[in-house]
Amino acid sequence: MDRLAGAIERDGTGPLKNEGRKDLMIRVTNLVKKYGPITAVRDVSFEVKAGEIFAFLGPNGAGKTTTIKILTTLLRPTSGEVEVDGFNPSNNQSEVRKRFGIVFQDPSLDDQLTAYENMDLHGALYSVPKKLRRARIEELLNLFQLWDRRADLVKNFSGGMRRRLEIARCMLHTPKIIFLDEPTLGLDPQTRNQLWTHIRRLNEEQGITVFLTTHYMDEAERMAKRIAIIDHGAIVAQGTLTELKEKTGADSLEAAFLQLTGFSIREEETGQVERMRQMARMFRRR
C-alpha cells in the first residue's frame, strides 16, 4: 500500500507537503460559529496530532457536526483559526480536501451502482489515475473483505457491508486523515468490532490520523488516544482517558461523560435550515 500511496503523490493527486507543524494534523484555536443570534460553537480550541486516533464526543446538539463541517470545508467559521495539515479550510479548500476522507453519519453511497462503480466514481472525482485507481480499488476492497462482492449492487448490501465500503471509498485517494461521524450507528456488536479492527489497522500500519465521533462510549474508550468532550458548543474537558477519569472521579468514560455533560436527554442537532427557521420565529416574536 505504501508503494501505491507514493505513486499517488508522484502523480500529484495525493497529499502535499505539510505547510504547518509536522506533528499536528489539526489545530483549532478559539473557534466560533454563529447563526445570527445563535452560537453553535463557542471559543473551541483543540489539537490533533498526526497519526493519532482522536475522539470528539458530545450529546446531541453539542456542536460536533458544526465543527466537523468547518474542518471539512463545508462551513466557514465566524471567527477563530483552523488548520488541517497546515492549511486553512476556508481559504484552501482544494488542498484540504485532498488531505481527508470522510464517512458521514447518513449513508452516502449510490445504491444503484455496484461496489466497484462506487469506488471508481470516487477515484475519478479525485483525479486518481485510472491504472492506479484500479489497483487501489482491488487492494481496498480486499482489505475490507468486499472484493468478492465488487460486482453486486450496493442496494443488496447489509448495513455493515455498506459501512465497510464507505470507509474503503474514503481511503481511495490516500488521505492523511479520515473523519468518521458515527460510523457504527445501527450496526450489531460483531460488525462494529470488525469495523474498528479495520480502522485500527489503517492507523497502525499506515499512520492514518482518525477523527471520530460516536455515542458508543466503549468504542471511544477502546480506540482513542485522546478525547475531547463538547457540550453546548464549548469544550468542557479534553485529555487521555486516564486524565478524564481522574478529573471527574469516574471509573469509566461513560461515567465521566455524564458527569461533564449531565443526565438530561438532548434533541438532535438541528441543521442550518432549521436554525434559520428558528431565527425567523425569534424575529417575528419581537
Foldseek 3Di string as FASTA:
>chain_A
DVVLQVVLVVVPLAADAQPDPQQWQKWWAQFWADDVVATQAGGATDTFTFLFEEEEEEAFSQNPVVVVCLQQLNDPTPDTAIDGSNDHCPVCVPNSNNAEFEDAPDQDFDQQAFLQVSLVVLCVVSVPDPVSSVVLSCVLCVLLVNNVRRRPGNVPDDLLVSLSSSVSSSPSSPHQEYEYEASCPPHDPVSVVSVVVSVVCCSVVVRRYYYYYHPPQVSCLPGGQKYWYGGNNYTQDIGGQVVLCVVQVHPGPVVSNCSRHPDDHDDHRDDPVVVVVVVVVVVVVD
